[in-house]
């Protein structure tokens, strides 16, 4: 994407209990 633009990341989970978890996004340069 060009600077100033937008993206939407998604994280799809499989397995049980998704609503019980805390979640996070991290990045590595």
ModelCIF file with pLDDT and N, C-alpha, C, O atoms, coordinates in Angstrom:
data_MODEL
#
_entry.id   MODEL 
#
_entity.id                         1 
_entity.type                       polymer 
_entity.pdbx_number_of_molecules   1 
#
_entity_poly.entity_id                      1 
_entity_poly.type                           'polypeptide(L)' 
_entity_poly.nstd_linkage                   no 
_entity_poly.nstd_monomer                   no 
_entity_poly.pdbx_seq_one_letter_code       
;(UNK)(UNK)(UNK)(UNK)(UNK)(UNK)(UNK)(UNK)(UNK)(UNK)(UNK)(UNK)(UNK)(UNK)(UNK)(UNK)
(UNK)(UNK)(UNK)(UNK)(UNK)(UNK)(UNK)(UNK)(UNK)(UNK)(UNK)(UNK)(UNK)
;
_entity_poly.pdbx_seq_one_letter_code_can   XXXXXXXXXXXXXXXXXXXXXXXXXXXXX 
_entity_poly.pdbx_strand_id                 A 
#
loop_
_entity_poly_seq.entity_id 
_entity_poly_seq.num 
_entity_poly_seq.mon_id 
_entity_poly_seq.hetero 
1 1  UNK n 
1 2  UNK n 
1 3  UNK n 
1 4  UNK n 
1 5  UNK n 
1 6  UNK n 
1 7  UNK n 
1 8  UNK n 
1 9  UNK n 
1 10 UNK n 
1 11 UNK n 
1 12 UNK n 
1 13 UNK n 
1 14 UNK n 
1 15 UNK n 
1 16 UNK n 
1 17 UNK n 
1 18 UNK n 
1 19 UNK n 
1 20 UNK n 
1 21 UNK n 
1 22 UNK n 
1 23 UNK n 
1 24 UNK n 
1 25 UNK n 
1 26 UNK n 
1 27 UNK n 
1 28 UNK n 
1 29 UNK n 
#
_struct_asym.id          A 
_struct_asym.entity_id   1 
#
loop_
_ma_qa_metric.id 
_ma_qa_metric.mode 
_ma_qa_metric.name 
_ma_qa_metric.software_group_id 
_ma_qa_metric.type 
1 global pLDDT . pLDDT 
2 local  pLDDT . pLDDT 
#
_ma_qa_metric_global.metric_id      1 
_ma_qa_metric_global.metric_value   95.17 
_ma_qa_metric_global.model_id       1 
_ma_qa_metric_global.ordinal_id     1 
#
loop_
_ma_qa_metric_local.label_asym_id 
_ma_qa_metric_local.label_comp_id 
_ma_qa_metric_local.label_seq_id 
_ma_qa_metric_local.metric_id 
_ma_qa_metric_local.metric_value 
_ma_qa_metric_local.model_id 
_ma_qa_metric_local.ordinal_id 
A UNK 1  2 98.00 1 1  
A UNK 2  2 98.00 1 2  
A UNK 3  2 98.00 1 3  
A UNK 4  2 98.00 1 4  
A UNK 5  2 98.00 1 5  
A UNK 6  2 98.00 1 6  
A UNK 7  2 98.00 1 7  
A UNK 8  2 98.00 1 8  
A UNK 9  2 98.00 1 9  
A UNK 10 2 98.00 1 10 
A UNK 11 2 98.00 1 11 
A UNK 12 2 98.00 1 12 
A UNK 13 2 97.00 1 13 
A UNK 14 2 95.00 1 14 
A UNK 15 2 86.00 1 15 
A UNK 16 2 86.00 1 16 
A UNK 17 2 88.00 1 17 
A UNK 18 2 91.00 1 18 
A UNK 19 2 92.00 1 19 
A UNK 20 2 92.00 1 20 
A UNK 21 2 95.00 1 21 
A UNK 22 2 96.00 1 22 
A UNK 23 2 97.00 1 23 
A UNK 24 2 98.00 1 24 
A UNK 25 2 98.00 1 25 
A UNK 26 2 98.00 1 26 
A UNK 27 2 96.00 1 27 
A UNK 28 2 94.00 1 28 
A UNK 29 2 85.00 1 29 
#
loop_
_atom_site.group_PDB 
_atom_site.id 
_atom_site.type_symbol 
_atom_site.label_atom_id 
_atom_site.label_alt_id 
_atom_site.label_comp_id 
_atom_site.label_asym_id 
_atom_site.label_entity_id 
_atom_site.label_seq_id 
_atom_site.pdbx_PDB_ins_code 
_atom_site.Cartn_x 
_atom_site.Cartn_y 
_atom_site.Cartn_z 
_atom_site.occupancy 
_atom_site.B_iso_or_equiv 
_atom_site.pdbx_formal_charge 
_atom_site.auth_seq_id 
_atom_site.auth_comp_id 
_atom_site.auth_asym_id 
_atom_site.auth_atom_id 
_atom_site.pdbx_PDB_model_num 
ATOM 1   N N  . UNK A 1 1  ? 0.855   -1.181  0.000  1.00 98.00 ? 1  UNK A N  1 
ATOM 2   C CA . UNK A 1 1  ? 0.000   0.000   0.000  1.00 98.00 ? 1  UNK A CA 1 
ATOM 3   C C  . UNK A 1 1  ? 0.892   1.232   0.000  1.00 98.00 ? 1  UNK A C  1 
ATOM 4   O O  . UNK A 1 1  ? 2.007   1.202   0.521  1.00 98.00 ? 1  UNK A O  1 
ATOM 5   N N  . UNK A 1 2  ? 0.401   2.306   -0.581 1.00 98.00 ? 2  UNK A N  1 
ATOM 6   C CA . UNK A 1 2  ? 1.141   3.568   -0.553 1.00 98.00 ? 2  UNK A CA 1 
ATOM 7   C C  . UNK A 1 2  ? 0.993   4.241   0.805  1.00 98.00 ? 2  UNK A C  1 
ATOM 8   O O  . UNK A 1 2  ? -0.003  4.050   1.503  1.00 98.00 ? 2  UNK A O  1 
ATOM 9   N N  . UNK A 1 3  ? 1.970   5.009   1.158  1.00 98.00 ? 3  UNK A N  1 
ATOM 10  C CA . UNK A 1 3  ? 1.893   5.787   2.395  1.00 98.00 ? 3  UNK A CA 1 
ATOM 11  C C  . UNK A 1 3  ? 0.623   6.634   2.390  1.00 98.00 ? 3  UNK A C  1 
ATOM 12  O O  . UNK A 1 3  ? 0.278   7.261   1.388  1.00 98.00 ? 3  UNK A O  1 
ATOM 13  N N  . UNK A 1 4  ? -0.057  6.636   3.521  1.00 98.00 ? 4  UNK A N  1 
ATOM 14  C CA . UNK A 1 4  ? -1.331  7.325   3.633  1.00 98.00 ? 4  UNK A CA 1 
ATOM 15  C C  . UNK A 1 4  ? -2.525  6.443   3.365  1.00 98.00 ? 4  UNK A C  1 
ATOM 16  O O  . UNK A 1 4  ? -3.663  6.834   3.625  1.00 98.00 ? 4  UNK A O  1 
ATOM 17  N N  . UNK A 1 5  ? -2.275  5.257   2.847  1.00 98.00 ? 5  UNK A N  1 
ATOM 18  C CA . UNK A 1 5  ? -3.350  4.334   2.525  1.00 98.00 ? 5  UNK A CA 1 
ATOM 19  C C  . UNK A 1 5  ? -3.795  3.517   3.722  1.00 98.00 ? 5  UNK A C  1 
ATOM 20  O O  . UNK A 1 5  ? -3.345  3.731   4.847  1.00 98.00 ? 5  UNK A O  1 
ATOM 21  N N  . UNK A 1 6  ? -4.700  2.562   3.451  1.00 98.00 ? 6  UNK A N  1 
ATOM 22  C CA . UNK A 1 6  ? -5.296  1.746   4.505  1.00 98.00 ? 6  UNK A CA 1 
ATOM 23  C C  . UNK A 1 6  ? -5.254  0.275   4.138  1.00 98.00 ? 6  UNK A C  1 
ATOM 24  O O  . UNK A 1 6  ? -5.258  -0.090  2.962  1.00 98.00 ? 6  UNK A O  1 
ATOM 25  N N  . UNK A 1 7  ? -5.214  -0.554  5.152  1.00 98.00 ? 7  UNK A N  1 
ATOM 26  C CA . UNK A 1 7  ? -5.365  -2.001  5.030  1.00 98.00 ? 7  UNK A CA 1 
ATOM 27  C C  . UNK A 1 7  ? -6.159  -2.492  6.224  1.00 98.00 ? 7  UNK A C  1 
ATOM 28  O O  . UNK A 1 7  ? -6.145  -1.880  7.292  1.00 98.00 ? 7  UNK A O  1 
ATOM 29  N N  . UNK A 1 8  ? -6.851  -3.602  6.032  1.00 98.00 ? 8  UNK A N  1 
ATOM 30  C CA . UNK A 1 8  ? -7.490  -4.275  7.164  1.00 98.00 ? 8  UNK A CA 1 
ATOM 31  C C  . UNK A 1 8  ? -6.966  -5.692  7.247  1.00 98.00 ? 8  UNK A C  1 
ATOM 32  O O  . UNK A 1 8  ? -7.132  -6.486  6.322  1.00 98.00 ? 8  UNK A O  1 
ATOM 33  N N  . UNK A 1 9  ? -6.338  -5.997  8.357  1.00 98.00 ? 9  UNK A N  1 
ATOM 34  C CA . UNK A 1 9  ? -5.860  -7.345  8.617  1.00 98.00 ? 9  UNK A CA 1 
ATOM 35  C C  . UNK A 1 9  ? -6.944  -8.137  9.334  1.00 98.00 ? 9  UNK A C  1 
ATOM 36  O O  . UNK A 1 9  ? -7.702  -7.597  10.140 1.00 98.00 ? 9  UNK A O  1 
ATOM 37  N N  . UNK A 1 10 ? -7.001  -9.416  9.029  1.00 98.00 ? 10 UNK A N  1 
ATOM 38  C CA . UNK A 1 10 ? -7.911  -10.325 9.713  1.00 98.00 ? 10 UNK A CA 1 
ATOM 39  C C  . UNK A 1 10 ? -7.118  -11.450 10.347 1.00 98.00 ? 10 UNK A C  1 
ATOM 40  O O  . UNK A 1 10 ? -6.058  -11.836 9.855  1.00 98.00 ? 10 UNK A O  1 
ATOM 41  N N  . UNK A 1 11 ? -7.641  -11.966 11.437 1.00 98.00 ? 11 UNK A N  1 
ATOM 42  C CA . UNK A 1 11 ? -7.052  -13.113 12.120 1.00 98.00 ? 11 UNK A CA 1 
ATOM 43  C C  . UNK A 1 11 ? -8.185  -14.095 12.404 1.00 98.00 ? 11 UNK A C  1 
ATOM 44  O O  . UNK A 1 11 ? -9.007  -13.875 13.293 1.00 98.00 ? 11 UNK A O  1 
ATOM 45  N N  . UNK A 1 12 ? -8.212  -15.170 11.643 1.00 98.00 ? 12 UNK A N  1 
ATOM 46  C CA . UNK A 1 12 ? -9.255  -16.179 11.796 1.00 98.00 ? 12 UNK A CA 1 
ATOM 47  C C  . UNK A 1 12 ? -8.768  -17.280 12.727 1.00 98.00 ? 12 UNK A C  1 
ATOM 48  O O  . UNK A 1 12 ? -7.654  -17.785 12.584 1.00 98.00 ? 12 UNK A O  1 
ATOM 49  N N  . UNK A 1 13 ? -9.612  -17.643 13.676 1.00 97.00 ? 13 UNK A N  1 
ATOM 50  C CA . UNK A 1 13 ? -9.247  -18.647 14.671 1.00 97.00 ? 13 UNK A CA 1 
ATOM 51  C C  . UNK A 1 13 ? -10.082 -19.904 14.503 1.00 97.00 ? 13 UNK A C  1 
ATOM 52  O O  . UNK A 1 13 ? -11.280 -19.838 14.228 1.00 97.00 ? 13 UNK A O  1 
ATOM 53  N N  . UNK A 1 14 ? -9.445  -21.034 14.668 1.00 95.00 ? 14 UNK A N  1 
ATOM 54  C CA . UNK A 1 14 ? -10.169 -22.305 14.742 1.00 95.00 ? 14 UNK A CA 1 
ATOM 55  C C  . UNK A 1 14 ? -9.891  -22.922 16.097 1.00 95.00 ? 14 UNK A C  1 
ATOM 56  O O  . UNK A 1 14 ? -8.889  -22.607 16.740 1.00 95.00 ? 14 UNK A O  1 
ATOM 57  N N  . UNK A 1 15 ? -10.765 -23.787 16.521 1.00 86.00 ? 15 UNK A N  1 
ATOM 58  C CA . UNK A 1 15 ? -10.653 -24.338 17.861 1.00 86.00 ? 15 UNK A CA 1 
ATOM 59  C C  . UNK A 1 15 ? -11.711 -23.740 18.758 1.00 86.00 ? 15 UNK A C  1 
ATOM 60  O O  . UNK A 1 15 ? -12.499 -22.893 18.339 1.00 86.00 ? 15 UNK A O  1 
ATOM 61  N N  . UNK A 1 16 ? -11.718 -24.187 19.982 1.00 86.00 ? 16 UNK A N  1 
ATOM 62  C CA . UNK A 1 16 ? -12.788 -23.806 20.893 1.00 86.00 ? 16 UNK A CA 1 
ATOM 63  C C  . UNK A 1 16 ? -12.394 -22.623 21.764 1.00 86.00 ? 16 UNK A C  1 
ATOM 64  O O  . UNK A 1 16 ? -11.217 -22.382 22.035 1.00 86.00 ? 16 UNK A O  1 
ATOM 65  N N  . UNK A 1 17 ? -13.405 -21.904 22.187 1.00 88.00 ? 17 UNK A N  1 
ATOM 66  C CA . UNK A 1 17 ? -13.189 -20.913 23.230 1.00 88.00 ? 17 UNK A CA 1 
ATOM 67  C C  . UNK A 1 17 ? -12.664 -19.571 22.783 1.00 88.00 ? 17 UNK A C  1 
ATOM 68  O O  . UNK A 1 17 ? -12.113 -18.826 23.594 1.00 88.00 ? 17 UNK A O  1 
ATOM 69  N N  . UNK A 1 18 ? -12.821 -19.239 21.501 1.00 91.00 ? 18 UNK A N  1 
ATOM 70  C CA . UNK A 1 18 ? -12.275 -17.980 21.006 1.00 91.00 ? 18 UNK A CA 1 
ATOM 71  C C  . UNK A 1 18 ? -12.731 -16.797 21.847 1.00 91.00 ? 18 UNK A C  1 
ATOM 72  O O  . UNK A 1 18 ? -11.927 -15.911 22.138 1.00 91.00 ? 18 UNK A O  1 
ATOM 73  N N  . UNK A 1 19 ? -13.969 -16.758 22.234 1.00 92.00 ? 19 UNK A N  1 
ATOM 74  C CA . UNK A 1 19 ? -14.498 -15.594 22.962 1.00 92.00 ? 19 UNK A CA 1 
ATOM 75  C C  . UNK A 1 19 ? -13.876 -15.437 24.344 1.00 92.00 ? 19 UNK A C  1 
ATOM 76  O O  . UNK A 1 19 ? -13.979 -14.372 24.953 1.00 92.00 ? 19 UNK A O  1 
ATOM 77  N N  . UNK A 1 20 ? -13.237 -16.484 24.838 1.00 92.00 ? 20 UNK A N  1 
ATOM 78  C CA . UNK A 1 20 ? -12.646 -16.438 26.177 1.00 92.00 ? 20 UNK A CA 1 
ATOM 79  C C  . UNK A 1 20 ? -11.228 -15.863 26.174 1.00 92.00 ? 20 UNK A C  1 
ATOM 80  O O  . UNK A 1 20 ? -10.683 -15.535 27.228 1.00 92.00 ? 20 UNK A O  1 
ATOM 81  N N  . UNK A 1 21 ? -10.637 -15.746 24.983 1.00 95.00 ? 21 UNK A N  1 
ATOM 82  C CA . UNK A 1 21 ? -9.248  -15.344 24.891 1.00 95.00 ? 21 UNK A CA 1 
ATOM 83  C C  . UNK A 1 21 ? -9.094  -13.825 24.771 1.00 95.00 ? 21 UNK A C  1 
ATOM 84  O O  . UNK A 1 21 ? -9.929  -13.150 24.170 1.00 95.00 ? 21 UNK A O  1 
ATOM 85  N N  . UNK A 1 22 ? -8.041  -13.316 25.338 1.00 96.00 ? 22 UNK A N  1 
ATOM 86  C CA . UNK A 1 22 ? -7.560  -11.990 24.968 1.00 96.00 ? 22 UNK A CA 1 
ATOM 87  C C  . UNK A 1 22 ? -6.693  -12.150 23.724 1.00 96.00 ? 22 UNK A C  1 
ATOM 88  O O  . UNK A 1 22 ? -6.065  -13.190 23.524 1.00 96.00 ? 22 UNK A O  1 
ATOM 89  N N  . UNK A 1 23 ? -6.663  -11.121 22.901 1.00 97.00 ? 23 UNK A N  1 
ATOM 90  C CA . UNK A 1 23 ? -6.006  -11.207 21.598 1.00 97.00 ? 23 UNK A CA 1 
ATOM 91  C C  . UNK A 1 23 ? -5.094  -10.014 21.380 1.00 97.00 ? 23 UNK A C  1 
ATOM 92  O O  . UNK A 1 23 ? -5.265  -8.960  21.991 1.00 97.00 ? 23 UNK A O  1 
ATOM 93  N N  . UNK A 1 24 ? -4.138  -10.198 20.511 1.00 98.00 ? 24 UNK A N  1 
ATOM 94  C CA . UNK A 1 24 ? -3.228  -9.091  20.251 1.00 98.00 ? 24 UNK A CA 1 
ATOM 95  C C  . UNK A 1 24 ? -2.667  -9.121  18.847 1.00 98.00 ? 24 UNK A C  1 
ATOM 96  O O  . UNK A 1 24 ? -2.667  -10.155 18.178 1.00 98.00 ? 24 UNK A O  1 
ATOM 97  N N  . UNK A 1 25 ? -2.191  -7.974  18.416 1.00 98.00 ? 25 UNK A N  1 
ATOM 98  C CA . UNK A 1 25 ? -1.429  -7.837  17.168 1.00 98.00 ? 25 UNK A CA 1 
ATOM 99  C C  . UNK A 1 25 ? -0.020  -7.361  17.517 1.00 98.00 ? 25 UNK A C  1 
ATOM 100 O O  . UNK A 1 25 ? 0.173   -6.446  18.318 1.00 98.00 ? 25 UNK A O  1 
ATOM 101 N N  . UNK A 1 26 ? 0.941   -8.007  16.897 1.00 98.00 ? 26 UNK A N  1 
ATOM 102 C CA . UNK A 1 26 ? 2.341   -7.645  17.063 1.00 98.00 ? 26 UNK A CA 1 
ATOM 103 C C  . UNK A 1 26 ? 2.970   -7.562  15.673 1.00 98.00 ? 26 UNK A C  1 
ATOM 104 O O  . UNK A 1 26 ? 2.404   -8.056  14.698 1.00 98.00 ? 26 UNK A O  1 
ATOM 105 N N  . UNK A 1 27 ? 4.122   -6.944  15.592 1.00 96.00 ? 27 UNK A N  1 
ATOM 106 C CA . UNK A 1 27 ? 4.786   -6.869  14.300 1.00 96.00 ? 27 UNK A CA 1 
ATOM 107 C C  . UNK A 1 27 ? 6.297   -6.995  14.468 1.00 96.00 ? 27 UNK A C  1 
ATOM 108 O O  . UNK A 1 27 ? 6.868   -6.722  15.523 1.00 96.00 ? 27 UNK A O  1 
ATOM 109 N N  . UNK A 1 28 ? 6.905   -7.423  13.372 1.00 94.00 ? 28 UNK A N  1 
ATOM 110 C CA . UNK A 1 28 ? 8.348   -7.632  13.367 1.00 94.00 ? 28 UNK A CA 1 
ATOM 111 C C  . UNK A 1 28 ? 8.896   -7.027  12.089 1.00 94.00 ? 28 UNK A C  1 
ATOM 112 O O  . UNK A 1 28 ? 8.535   -7.438  10.986 1.00 94.00 ? 28 UNK A O  1 
ATOM 113 N N  . UNK A 1 29 ? 9.759   -6.058  12.247 1.00 85.00 ? 29 UNK A N  1 
ATOM 114 C CA . UNK A 1 29 ? 10.320  -5.365  11.091 1.00 85.00 ? 29 UNK A CA 1 
ATOM 115 C C  . UNK A 1 29 ? 11.361  -6.245  10.410 1.00 85.00 ? 29 UNK A C  1 
ATOM 116 O O  . UNK A 1 29 ? 11.954  -5.839  9.410  1.00 85.00 ? 29 UNK A O  1 
#
